[in-house]
Amino acid sequence: MPLYDFKNTETGEYEEKFVSMSNYDQFLIDNPHLERAYIKAPSLNKGGLGDRTKPNDGFKEVLSKISDANPNSKLASDYGKKDKKSVAVRNAVQTVQKRMGDISSKD
C-alpha cells in the first residue's frame, strides 16, 4: 500500500497516510480537508525488499554454470566453485592480470 503526503487545508500541516490505490478516490471524498501534497514520490516498497532480491536456487545454478565456463570473470568469484584449488587458481590469474594489464588485442 503506497504512502502518500497530504496537506491539511484547515491547519496547514502535512501528513503521511497509507492509502491503497483502489481506495484513493474514496479517501479524498471522505476527507475533503486533505489535499494531495507532492513532496516526494509515493513509496511502493513492499516488505522492505525494494528492488533488490536474492536469486533463487535454480538461477544460482545457472550462474554457477556460466561462471564455470568463464573462470576469470567477476561472476566466477561470486558464484563459481569455492573449493581451495579453484579459489587459488582464480587468485593467481587475477594477480597476473593486475601485473600484465589488459593484453587483449584491440582491432
PDB file of N, CA and C in Angstrom:
ATOM      1  N   MET A   1       0.845  -1.163   0.000  1.00  0.00           N
ATOM      2  CA  MET A   1       0.000   0.000   0.000  1.00  0.00           C
ATOM      3  C   MET A   1       0.903   1.242   0.000  1.00  0.00           C
ATOM      4  N   PRO A   2       0.659   2.171  -0.916  1.00  0.00           N
ATOM      5  CA  PRO A   2       1.513   3.357  -1.012  1.00  0.00           C
ATOM      6  C   PRO A   2       1.331   4.324   0.156  1.00  0.00           C
ATOM      7  N   LEU A   3       2.370   5.058   0.425  1.00  0.00           N
ATOM      8  CA  LEU A   3       2.376   6.093   1.448  1.00  0.00           C
ATOM      9  C   LEU A   3       2.300   7.435   0.725  1.00  0.00           C
ATOM     10  N   TYR A   4       1.221   8.201   0.965  1.00  0.00           N
ATOM     11  CA  TYR A   4       1.003   9.480   0.300  1.00  0.00           C
ATOM     12  C   TYR A   4       1.169  10.633   1.295  1.00  0.00           C
ATOM     13  N   ASP A   5       1.559  11.789   0.767  1.00  0.00           N
ATOM     14  CA  ASP A   5       1.650  13.013   1.559  1.00  0.00           C
ATOM     15  C   ASP A   5       0.410  13.869   1.272  1.00  0.00           C
ATOM     16  N   PHE A   6      -0.191  14.379   2.346  1.00  0.00           N
ATOM     17  CA  PHE A   6      -1.363  15.242   2.226  1.00  0.00           C
ATOM     18  C   PHE A   6      -1.132  16.505   3.031  1.00  0.00           C
ATOM     19  N   LYS A   7      -1.749  17.581   2.561  1.00  0.00           N
ATOM     20  CA  LYS A   7      -1.725  18.837   3.301  1.00  0.00           C
ATOM     21  C   LYS A   7      -3.120  19.068   3.857  1.00  0.00           C
ATOM     22  N   ASN A   8      -3.191  19.319   5.155  1.00  0.00           N
ATOM     23  CA  ASN A   8      -4.462  19.626   5.807  1.00  0.00           C
ATOM     24  C   ASN A   8      -4.764  21.099   5.537  1.00  0.00           C
ATOM     25  N   THR A   9      -5.833  21.365   4.789  1.00  0.00           N
ATOM     26  CA  THR A   9      -6.154  22.748   4.405  1.00  0.00           C
ATOM     27  C   THR A   9      -6.658  23.568   5.588  1.00  0.00           C
ATOM     28  N   GLU A  10      -7.111  22.927   6.635  1.00  0.00           N
ATOM     29  CA  GLU A  10      -7.605  23.637   7.819  1.00  0.00           C
ATOM     30  C   GLU A  10      -6.458  24.101   8.718  1.00  0.00           C
ATOM     31  N   THR A  11      -5.446  23.243   8.869  1.00  0.00           N
ATOM     32  CA  THR A  11      -4.343  23.568   9.788  1.00  0.00           C
ATOM     33  C   THR A  11      -3.055  23.943   9.070  1.00  0.00           C
ATOM     34  N   GLY A  12      -2.925  23.576   7.801  1.00  0.00           N
ATOM     35  CA  GLY A  12      -1.699  23.846   7.055  1.00  0.00           C
ATOM     36  C   GLY A  12      -0.600  22.838   7.311  1.00  0.00           C
ATOM     37  N   GLU A  13      -0.876  21.794   8.089  1.00  0.00           N
ATOM     38  CA  GLU A  13       0.121  20.776   8.416  1.00  0.00           C
ATOM     39  C   GLU A  13       0.140  19.693   7.339  1.00  0.00           C
ATOM     40  N   TYR A  14       1.291  19.041   7.243  1.00  0.00           N
ATOM     41  CA  TYR A  14       1.440  17.932   6.298  1.00  0.00           C
ATOM     42  C   TYR A  14       1.328  16.614   7.044  1.00  0.00           C
ATOM     43  N   GLU A  15       0.700  15.634   6.392  1.00  0.00           N
ATOM     44  CA  GLU A  15       0.508  14.315   6.994  1.00  0.00           C
ATOM     45  C   GLU A  15       0.853  13.247   5.962  1.00  0.00           C
ATOM     46  N   GLU A  16       1.325  12.108   6.469  1.00  0.00           N
ATOM     47  CA  GLU A  16       1.542  10.942   5.620  1.00  0.00           C
ATOM     48  C   GLU A  16       0.460   9.924   5.932  1.00  0.00           C
ATOM     49  N   LYS A  17      -0.127   9.358   4.896  1.00  0.00           N
ATOM     50  CA  LYS A  17      -1.192   8.369   5.073  1.00  0.00           C
ATOM     51  C   LYS A  17      -0.948   7.181   4.155  1.00  0.00           C
ATOM     52  N   PHE A  18      -1.197   5.974   4.687  1.00  0.00           N
ATOM     53  CA  PHE A  18      -1.212   4.772   3.868  1.00  0.00           C
ATOM     54  C   PHE A  18      -2.598   4.650   3.259  1.00  0.00           C
ATOM     55  N   VAL A  19      -2.673   4.684   1.948  1.00  0.00           N
ATOM     56  CA  VAL A  19      -3.954   4.579   1.253  1.00  0.00           C
ATOM     57  C   VAL A  19      -3.755   3.645   0.071  1.00  0.00           C
ATOM     58  N   SER A  20      -4.609   2.629  -0.024  1.00  0.00           N
ATOM     59  CA  SER A  20      -4.493   1.728  -1.170  1.00  0.00           C
ATOM     60  C   SER A  20      -4.908   2.470  -2.435  1.00  0.00           C
ATOM     61  N   MET A  21      -4.354   2.062  -3.546  1.00  0.00           N
ATOM     62  CA  MET A  21      -4.644   2.735  -4.810  1.00  0.00           C
ATOM     63  C   MET A  21      -6.122   2.611  -5.176  1.00  0.00           C
ATOM     64  N   SER A  22      -6.716   1.473  -4.823  1.00  0.00           N
ATOM     65  CA  SER A  22      -8.126   1.275  -5.154  1.00  0.00           C
ATOM     66  C   SER A  22      -9.048   2.145  -4.291  1.00  0.00           C
ATOM     67  N   ASN A  23      -8.610   2.536  -3.096  1.00  0.00           N
ATOM     68  CA  ASN A  23      -9.431   3.359  -2.201  1.00  0.00           C
ATOM     69  C   ASN A  23      -9.026   4.828  -2.184  1.00  0.00           C
ATOM     70  N   TYR A  24      -8.103   5.222  -3.039  1.00  0.00           N
ATOM     71  CA  TYR A  24      -7.574   6.584  -3.026  1.00  0.00           C
ATOM     72  C   TYR A  24      -8.663   7.627  -3.291  1.00  0.00           C
ATOM     73  N   ASP A  25      -9.469   7.406  -4.342  1.00  0.00           N
ATOM     74  CA  ASP A  25     -10.519   8.376  -4.683  1.00  0.00           C
ATOM     75  C   ASP A  25     -11.537   8.512  -3.553  1.00  0.00           C
ATOM     76  N   GLN A  26     -11.936   7.378  -2.966  1.00  0.00           N
ATOM     77  CA  GLN A  26     -12.896   7.413  -1.870  1.00  0.00           C
ATOM     78  C   GLN A  26     -12.303   8.103  -0.648  1.00  0.00           C
ATOM     79  N   PHE A  27     -11.016   7.907  -0.406  1.00  0.00           N
ATOM     80  CA  PHE A  27     -10.343   8.555   0.721  1.00  0.00           C
ATOM     81  C   PHE A  27     -10.417  10.072   0.580  1.00  0.00           C
ATOM     82  N   LEU A  28     -10.190  10.580  -0.635  1.00  0.00           N
ATOM     83  CA  LEU A  28     -10.252  12.032  -0.853  1.00  0.00           C
ATOM     84  C   LEU A  28     -11.672  12.567  -0.660  1.00  0.00           C
ATOM     85  N   ILE A  29     -12.690  11.780  -1.039  1.00  0.00           N
ATOM     86  CA  ILE A  29     -14.082  12.186  -0.839  1.00  0.00           C
ATOM     87  C   ILE A  29     -14.410  12.219   0.654  1.00  0.00           C
ATOM     88  N   ASP A  30     -13.939  11.218   1.388  1.00  0.00           N
ATOM     89  CA  ASP A  30     -14.209  11.123   2.824  1.00  0.00           C
ATOM     90  C   ASP A  30     -13.425  12.160   3.638  1.00  0.00           C
ATOM     91  N   ASN A  31     -12.362  12.680   3.100  1.00  0.00           N
ATOM     92  CA  ASN A  31     -11.503  13.644   3.809  1.00  0.00           C
ATOM     93  C   ASN A  31     -11.316  14.898   2.963  1.00  0.00           C
ATOM     94  N   PRO A  32     -12.356  15.746   2.847  1.00  0.00           N
ATOM     95  CA  PRO A  32     -12.259  16.922   1.976  1.00  0.00           C
ATOM     96  C   PRO A  32     -11.266  17.974   2.486  1.00  0.00           C
ATOM     97  N   HIS A  33     -10.898  17.903   3.762  1.00  0.00           N
ATOM     98  CA  HIS A  33      -9.939  18.849   4.320  1.00  0.00           C
ATOM     99  C   HIS A  33      -8.492  18.504   3.950  1.00  0.00           C
ATOM    100  N   LEU A  34      -8.265  17.346   3.320  1.00  0.00           N
ATOM    101  CA  LEU A  34      -6.921  16.942   2.907  1.00  0.00           C
ATOM    102  C   LEU A  34      -6.780  17.087   1.399  1.00  0.00           C
ATOM    103  N   GLU A  35      -5.668  17.644   0.980  1.00  0.00           N
ATOM    104  CA  GLU A  35      -5.368  17.705  -0.444  1.00  0.00           C
ATOM    105  C   GLU A  35      -3.988  17.106  -0.664  1.00  0.00           C
ATOM    106  N   ARG A  36      -3.792  16.502  -1.797  1.00  0.00           N
ATOM    107  CA  ARG A  36      -2.545  15.803  -2.089  1.00  0.00           C
ATOM    108  C   ARG A  36      -1.396  16.791  -2.158  1.00  0.00           C
ATOM    109  N   ALA A  37      -0.327  16.486  -1.457  1.00  0.00           N
ATOM    110  CA  ALA A  37       0.897  17.291  -1.474  1.00  0.00           C
ATOM    111  C   ALA A  37       1.986  16.458  -2.138  1.00  0.00           C
ATOM    112  N   TYR A  38       2.647  17.030  -3.112  1.00  0.00           N
ATOM    113  CA  TYR A  38       3.688  16.306  -3.843  1.00  0.00           C
ATOM    114  C   TYR A  38       5.061  16.713  -3.325  1.00  0.00           C
ATOM    115  N   ILE A  39       5.391  16.170  -2.160  1.00  0.00           N
ATOM    116  CA  ILE A  39       6.694  16.428  -1.541  1.00  0.00           C
ATOM    117  C   ILE A  39       7.740  15.476  -2.125  1.00  0.00           C
ATOM    118  N   LYS A  40       7.344  14.234  -2.307  1.00  0.00           N
ATOM    119  CA  LYS A  40       8.223  13.203  -2.865  1.00  0.00           C
ATOM    120  C   LYS A  40       7.356  12.162  -3.556  1.00  0.00           C
ATOM    121  N   ALA A  41       7.952  11.254  -4.287  1.00  0.00           N
ATOM    122  CA  ALA A  41       7.220  10.194  -4.976  1.00  0.00           C
ATOM    123  C   ALA A  41       6.615   9.241  -3.948  1.00  0.00           C
ATOM    124  N   PRO A  42       5.464   8.631  -4.242  1.00  0.00           N
ATOM    125  CA  PRO A  42       4.865   7.700  -3.297  1.00  0.00           C
ATOM    126  C   PRO A  42       5.753   6.473  -3.083  1.00  0.00           C
ATOM    127  N   SER A  43       5.776   5.970  -1.877  1.00  0.00           N
ATOM    128  CA  SER A  43       6.575   4.802  -1.537  1.00  0.00           C
ATOM    129  C   SER A  43       5.793   3.537  -1.875  1.00  0.00           C
ATOM    130  N   LEU A  44       6.347   2.728  -2.757  1.00  0.00           N
ATOM    131  CA  LEU A  44       5.701   1.475  -3.150  1.00  0.00           C
ATOM    132  C   LEU A  44       6.491   0.270  -2.667  1.00  0.00           C
ATOM    133  N   ASN A  45       7.352   0.456  -1.708  1.00  0.00           N
ATOM    134  CA  ASN A  45       8.208  -0.592  -1.196  1.00  0.00           C
ATOM    135  C   ASN A  45       7.389  -1.619  -0.436  1.00  0.00           C
ATOM    136  N   LYS A  46       7.406  -2.861  -0.898  1.00  0.00           N
ATOM    137  CA  LYS A  46       6.638  -3.921  -0.247  1.00  0.00           C
ATOM    138  C   LYS A  46       7.556  -4.756   0.639  1.00  0.00           C
ATOM    139  N   GLY A  47       7.321  -4.763   1.889  1.00  0.00           N
ATOM    140  CA  GLY A  47       8.043  -5.631   2.807  1.00  0.00           C
ATOM    141  C   GLY A  47       9.507  -5.288   2.996  1.00  0.00           C
ATOM    142  N   GLY A  48       9.929  -4.092   2.638  1.00  0.00           N
ATOM    143  CA  GLY A  48      11.307  -3.692   2.848  1.00  0.00           C
ATOM    144  C   GLY A  48      12.295  -4.283   1.866  1.00  0.00           C
ATOM    145  N   LEU A  49      11.820  -4.943   0.798  1.00  0.00           N
ATOM    146  CA  LEU A  49      12.729  -5.569  -0.144  1.00  0.00           C
ATOM    147  C   LEU A  49      13.249  -4.600  -1.193  1.00  0.00           C
ATOM    148  N   GLY A  50      12.467  -3.613  -1.537  1.00  0.00           N
ATOM    149  CA  GLY A  50      12.884  -2.701  -2.580  1.00  0.00           C
ATOM    150  C   GLY A  50      13.032  -3.429  -3.896  1.00  0.00           C
ATOM    151  N   ASP A  51      13.995  -3.024  -4.700  1.00  0.00           N
ATOM    152  CA  ASP A  51      14.191  -3.683  -5.978  1.00  0.00           C
ATOM    153  C   ASP A  51      15.335  -4.686  -5.940  1.00  0.00           C
ATOM    154  N   ARG A  52      15.886  -4.930  -4.793  1.00  0.00           N
ATOM    155  CA  ARG A  52      16.982  -5.889  -4.662  1.00  0.00           C
ATOM    156  C   ARG A  52      16.484  -7.162  -3.984  1.00  0.00           C
ATOM    157  N   THR A  53      16.517  -8.252  -4.701  1.00  0.00           N
ATOM    158  CA  THR A  53      16.131  -9.538  -4.139  1.00  0.00           C
ATOM    159  C   THR A  53      17.223 -10.551  -4.445  1.00  0.00           C
ATOM    160  N   LYS A  54      17.279 -11.599  -3.686  1.00  0.00           N
ATOM    161  CA  LYS A  54      18.275 -12.638  -3.903  1.00  0.00           C
ATOM    162  C   LYS A  54      17.779 -13.598  -4.982  1.00  0.00           C
ATOM    163  N   PRO A  55      18.682 -14.060  -5.853  1.00  0.00           N
ATOM    164  CA  PRO A  55      18.262 -15.030  -6.864  1.00  0.00           C
ATOM    165  C   PRO A  55      17.899 -16.360  -6.210  1.00  0.00           C
ATOM    166  N   ASN A  56      16.921 -17.064  -6.796  1.00  0.00           N
ATOM    167  CA  ASN A  56      16.526 -18.354  -6.240  1.00  0.00           C
ATOM    168  C   ASN A  56      17.578 -19.410  -6.581  1.00  0.00           C
ATOM    169  N   ASP A  57      17.436 -20.601  -6.031  1.00  0.00           N
ATOM    170  CA  ASP A  57      18.449 -21.641  -6.190  1.00  0.00           C
ATOM    171  C   ASP A  57      18.616 -22.085  -7.641  1.00  0.00           C
ATOM    172  N   GLY A  58      17.528 -22.113  -8.400  1.00  0.00           N
ATOM    173  CA  GLY A  58      17.626 -22.509  -9.806  1.00  0.00           C
ATOM    174  C   GLY A  58      18.472 -21.535 -10.604  1.00  0.00           C
ATOM    175  N   PHE A  59      18.285 -20.236 -10.347  1.00  0.00           N
ATOM    176  CA  PHE A  59      19.071 -19.224 -11.057  1.00  0.00           C
ATOM    177  C   PHE A  59      20.516 -19.245 -10.580  1.00  0.00           C
ATOM    178  N   LYS A  60      20.746 -19.541  -9.304  1.00  0.00           N
ATOM    179  CA  LYS A  60      22.116 -19.646  -8.799  1.00  0.00           C
ATOM    180  C   LYS A  60      22.863 -20.771  -9.510  1.00  0.00           C
ATOM    181  N   GLU A  61      22.132 -21.858  -9.825  1.00  0.00           N
ATOM    182  CA  GLU A  61      22.752 -22.972 -10.543  1.00  0.00           C
ATOM    183  C   GLU A  61      23.168 -22.532 -11.954  1.00  0.00           C
ATOM    184  N   VAL A  62      22.324 -21.753 -12.614  1.00  0.00           N
ATOM    185  CA  VAL A  62      22.652 -21.231 -13.943  1.00  0.00           C
ATOM    186  C   VAL A  62      23.874 -20.322 -13.849  1.00  0.00           C
ATOM    187  N   LEU A  63      23.910 -19.444 -12.853  1.00  0.00           N
ATOM    188  CA  LEU A  63      25.059 -18.562 -12.668  1.00  0.00           C
ATOM    189  C   LEU A  63      26.332 -19.363 -12.403  1.00  0.00           C
ATOM    190  N   SER A  64      26.195 -20.461 -11.677  1.00  0.00           N
ATOM    191  CA  SER A  64      27.342 -21.307 -11.381  1.00  0.00           C
ATOM    192  C   SER A  64      27.893 -21.935 -12.660  1.00  0.00           C
ATOM    193  N   LYS A  65      27.003 -22.385 -13.550  1.00  0.00           N
ATOM    194  CA  LYS A  65      27.449 -22.985 -14.817  1.00  0.00           C
ATOM    195  C   LYS A  65      28.131 -21.937 -15.697  1.00  0.00           C
ATOM    196  N   ILE A  66      27.593 -20.734 -15.721  1.00  0.00           N
ATOM    197  CA  ILE A  66      28.213 -19.668 -16.501  1.00  0.00           C
ATOM    198  C   ILE A  66      29.587 -19.333 -15.939  1.00  0.00           C
ATOM    199  N   SER A  67      29.705 -19.284 -14.618  1.00  0.00           N
ATOM    200  CA  SER A  67      30.994 -18.952 -14.004  1.00  0.00           C
ATOM    201  C   SER A  67      32.015 -20.060 -14.228  1.00  0.00           C
ATOM    202  N   ASP A  68      31.566 -21.313 -14.312  1.00  0.00           N
ATOM    203  CA  ASP A  68      32.498 -22.410 -14.613  1.00  0.00           C
ATOM    204  C   ASP A  68      33.055 -22.275 -16.030  1.00  0.00           C
ATOM    205  N   ALA A  69      32.213 -21.764 -16.945  1.00  0.00           N
ATOM    206  CA  ALA A  69      32.659 -21.575 -18.329  1.00  0.00           C
ATOM    207  C   ALA A  69      33.547 -20.336 -18.464  1.00  0.00           C
ATOM    208  N   ASN A  70      33.459 -19.417 -17.522  1.00  0.00           N
ATOM    209  CA  ASN A  70      34.242 -18.178 -17.546  1.00  0.00           C
ATOM    210  C   ASN A  70      34.956 -18.004 -16.204  1.00  0.00           C
ATOM    211  N   PRO A  71      35.987 -18.810 -15.956  1.00  0.00           N
ATOM    212  CA  PRO A  71      36.596 -18.835 -14.621  1.00  0.00           C
ATOM    213  C   PRO A  71      37.310 -17.554 -14.205  1.00  0.00           C
ATOM    214  N   ASN A  72      37.596 -16.652 -15.143  1.00  0.00           N
ATOM    215  CA  ASN A  72      38.316 -15.428 -14.791  1.00  0.00           C
ATOM    216  C   ASN A  72      37.390 -14.231 -14.647  1.00  0.00           C
ATOM    217  N   SER A  73      36.105 -14.448 -14.640  1.00  0.00           N
ATOM    218  CA  SER A  73      35.149 -13.349 -14.565  1.00  0.00           C
ATOM    219  C   SER A  73      34.792 -13.016 -13.125  1.00  0.00           C
ATOM    220  N   LYS A  74      34.192 -11.855 -12.949  1.00  0.00           N
ATOM    221  CA  LYS A  74      33.699 -11.449 -11.631  1.00  0.00           C
ATOM    222  C   LYS A  74      32.612 -12.414 -11.157  1.00  0.00           C
ATOM    223  N   LEU A  75      31.824 -12.904 -12.096  1.00  0.00           N
ATOM    224  CA  LEU A  75      30.767 -13.853 -11.777  1.00  0.00           C
ATOM    225  C   LEU A  75      31.353 -15.121 -11.152  1.00  0.00           C
ATOM    226  N   ALA A  76      32.526 -15.531 -11.622  1.00  0.00           N
ATOM    227  CA  ALA A  76      33.162 -16.732 -11.084  1.00  0.00           C
ATOM    228  C   ALA A  76      33.546 -16.561  -9.618  1.00  0.00           C
ATOM    229  N   SER A  77      33.995 -15.358  -9.256  1.00  0.00           N
ATOM    230  CA  SER A  77      34.367 -15.157  -7.857  1.00  0.00           C
ATOM    231  C   SER A  77      33.135 -15.123  -6.948  1.00  0.00           C
ATOM    232  N   ASP A  78      31.974 -14.736  -7.503  1.00  0.00           N
ATOM    233  CA  ASP A  78      30.756 -14.688  -6.699  1.00  0.00           C
ATOM    234  C   ASP A  78      30.017 -16.024  -6.655  1.00  0.00           C
ATOM    235  N   TYR A  79      29.927 -16.709  -7.815  1.00  0.00           N
ATOM    236  CA  TYR A  79      29.092 -17.912  -7.893  1.00  0.00           C
ATOM    237  C   TYR A  79      29.848 -19.158  -8.326  1.00  0.00           C
ATOM    238  N   GLY A  80      31.150 -19.037  -8.561  1.00  0.00           N
ATOM    239  CA  GLY A  80      31.929 -20.190  -9.006  1.00  0.00           C
ATOM    240  C   GLY A  80      32.231 -21.155  -7.886  1.00  0.00           C
ATOM    241  N   LYS A  81      32.999 -22.165  -8.241  1.00  0.00           N
ATOM    242  CA  LYS A  81      33.375 -23.181  -7.258  1.00  0.00           C
ATOM    243  C   LYS A  81      34.171 -22.543  -6.128  1.00  0.00           C
ATOM    244  N   LYS A  82      33.942 -23.007  -4.918  1.00  0.00           N
ATOM    245  CA  LYS A  82      34.595 -22.423  -3.742  1.00  0.00           C
ATOM    246  C   LYS A  82      35.650 -23.350  -3.139  1.00  0.00           C
ATOM    247  N   ASP A  83      35.979 -24.446  -3.872  1.00  0.00           N
ATOM    248  CA  ASP A  83      36.997 -25.337  -3.321  1.00  0.00           C
ATOM    249  C   ASP A  83      38.358 -24.640  -3.362  1.00  0.00           C
ATOM    250  N   LYS A  84      39.280 -25.142  -2.586  1.00  0.00           N
ATOM    251  CA  LYS A  84      40.569 -24.484  -2.380  1.00  0.00           C
ATOM    252  C   LYS A  84      41.348 -24.300  -3.688  1.00  0.00           C
ATOM    253  N   LYS A  85      41.337 -25.312  -4.541  1.00  0.00           N
ATOM    254  CA  LYS A  85      42.088 -25.249  -5.793  1.00  0.00           C
ATOM    255  C   LYS A  85      41.505 -24.182  -6.729  1.00  0.00           C
ATOM    256  N   SER A  86      40.185 -24.157  -6.895  1.00  0.00           N
ATOM    257  CA  SER A  86      39.546 -23.188  -7.795  1.00  0.00           C
ATOM    258  C   SER A  86      39.793 -21.760  -7.330  1.00  0.00           C
ATOM    259  N   VAL A  87      39.710 -21.535  -6.036  1.00  0.00           N
ATOM    260  CA  VAL A  87      39.943 -20.198  -5.488  1.00  0.00           C
ATOM    261  C   VAL A  87      41.398 -19.789  -5.695  1.00  0.00           C
ATOM    262  N   ALA A  88      42.335 -20.723  -5.495  1.00  0.00           N
ATOM    263  CA  ALA A  88      43.755 -20.423  -5.672  1.00  0.00           C
ATOM    264  C   ALA A  88      44.059 -20.091  -7.132  1.00  0.00           C
ATOM    265  N   VAL A  89      43.470 -20.832  -8.069  1.00  0.00           N
ATOM    266  CA  VAL A  89      43.695 -20.563  -9.489  1.00  0.00           C
ATOM    267  C   VAL A  89      43.138 -19.198  -9.858  1.00  0.00           C
ATOM    268  N   ARG A  90      41.935 -18.884  -9.405  1.00  0.00           N
ATOM    269  CA  ARG A  90      41.340 -17.571  -9.696  1.00  0.00           C
ATOM    270  C   ARG A  90      42.196 -16.433  -9.147  1.00  0.00           C
ATOM    271  N   ASN A  91      42.671 -16.601  -7.926  1.00  0.00           N
ATOM    272  CA  ASN A  91      43.512 -15.568  -7.310  1.00  0.00           C
ATOM    273  C   ASN A  91      44.817 -15.391  -8.073  1.00  0.00           C
ATOM    274  N   ALA A  92      45.416 -16.498  -8.519  1.00  0.00           N
ATOM    275  CA  ALA A  92      46.671 -16.423  -9.272  1.00  0.00           C
ATOM    276  C   ALA A  92      46.452 -15.716 -10.613  1.00  0.00           C
ATOM    277  N   VAL A  93      45.376 -16.046 -11.294  1.00  0.00           N
ATOM    278  CA  VAL A  93      45.077 -15.406 -12.580  1.00  0.00           C
ATOM    279  C   VAL A  93      44.831 -13.921 -12.379  1.00  0.00           C
ATOM    280  N   GLN A  94      44.092 -13.549 -11.338  1.00  0.00           N
ATOM    281  CA  GLN A  94      43.835 -12.129 -11.071  1.00  0.00           C
ATOM    282  C   GLN A  94      45.126 -11.373 -10.772  1.00  0.00           C
ATOM    283  N   THR A  95      46.046 -11.997 -10.060  1.00  0.00           N
ATOM    284  CA  THR A  95      47.327 -11.370  -9.743  1.00  0.00           C
ATOM    285  C   THR A  95      48.127 -11.116 -11.015  1.00  0.00           C
ATOM    286  N   VAL A  96      48.148 -12.109 -11.902  1.00  0.00           N
ATOM    287  CA  VAL A  96      48.878 -11.960 -13.165  1.00  0.00           C
ATOM    288  C   VAL A  96      48.220 -10.883 -14.025  1.00  0.00           C
ATOM    289  N   GLN A  97      46.889 -10.862 -14.068  1.00  0.00           N
ATOM    290  CA  GLN A  97      46.183  -9.855 -14.865  1.00  0.00           C
ATOM    291  C   GLN A  97      46.470  -8.445 -14.357  1.00  0.00           C
ATOM    292  N   LYS A  98      46.575  -8.287 -13.052  1.00  0.00           N
ATOM    293  CA  LYS A  98      46.889  -6.969 -12.490  1.00  0.00           C
ATOM    294  C   LYS A  98      48.294  -6.519 -12.896  1.00  0.00           C
ATOM    295  N   ARG A  99      49.247  -7.473 -12.893  1.00  0.00           N
ATOM    296  CA  ARG A  99      50.621  -7.137 -13.249  1.00  0.00           C
ATOM    297  C   ARG A  99      50.774  -6.845 -14.735  1.00  0.00           C
ATOM    298  N   MET A 100      50.097  -7.650 -15.561  1.00  0.00           N
ATOM    299  CA  MET A 100      50.248  -7.536 -17.016  1.00  0.00           C
ATOM    300  C   MET A 100      49.371  -6.431 -17.599  1.00  0.00           C
ATOM    301  N   GLY A 101      48.276  -6.103 -16.948  1.00  0.00           N
ATOM    302  CA  GLY A 101      47.355  -5.135 -17.523  1.00  0.00           C
ATOM    303  C   GLY A 101      46.485  -5.798 -18.587  1.00  0.00           C
ATOM    304  N   ASP A 102      45.835  -4.991 -19.400  1.00  0.00           N
ATOM    305  CA  ASP A 102      44.964  -5.508 -20.445  1.00  0.00           C
ATOM    306  C   ASP A 102      45.813  -5.886 -21.641  1.00  0.00           C
ATOM    307  N   ILE A 103      45.893  -7.182 -21.944  1.00  0.00           N
ATOM    308  CA  ILE A 103      46.719  -7.647 -23.072  1.00  0.00           C
ATOM    309  C   ILE A 103      45.859  -8.124 -24.222  1.00  0.00           C
ATOM    310  N   SER A 104      44.559  -7.896 -24.161  1.00  0.00           N
ATOM    311  CA  SER A 104      43.682  -8.337 -25.244  1.00  0.00           C
ATOM    312  C   SER A 104      43.947  -7.475 -26.480  1.00  0.00           C
ATOM    313  N   SER A 105      43.796  -8.071 -27.639  1.00  0.00           N
ATOM    314  CA  SER A 105      44.045  -7.322 -28.884  1.00  0.00           C
ATOM    315  C   SER A 105      42.895  -6.370 -29.151  1.00  0.00           C
ATOM    316  N   LYS A 106      43.238  -5.173 -29.580  1.00  0.00           N
ATOM    317  CA  LYS A 106      42.242  -4.158 -29.879  1.00  0.00           C
ATOM    318  C   LYS A 106      42.322  -3.846 -31.354  1.00  0.00           C
ATOM    319  N   ASP A 107      41.334  -4.288 -32.105  1.00  0.00           N
ATOM    320  CA  ASP A 107      41.324  -4.050 -33.556  1.00  0.00           C
ATOM    321  C   ASP A 107      40.418  -2.920 -33.904  1.00  0.00           C
TER     322      ASP A 107
END
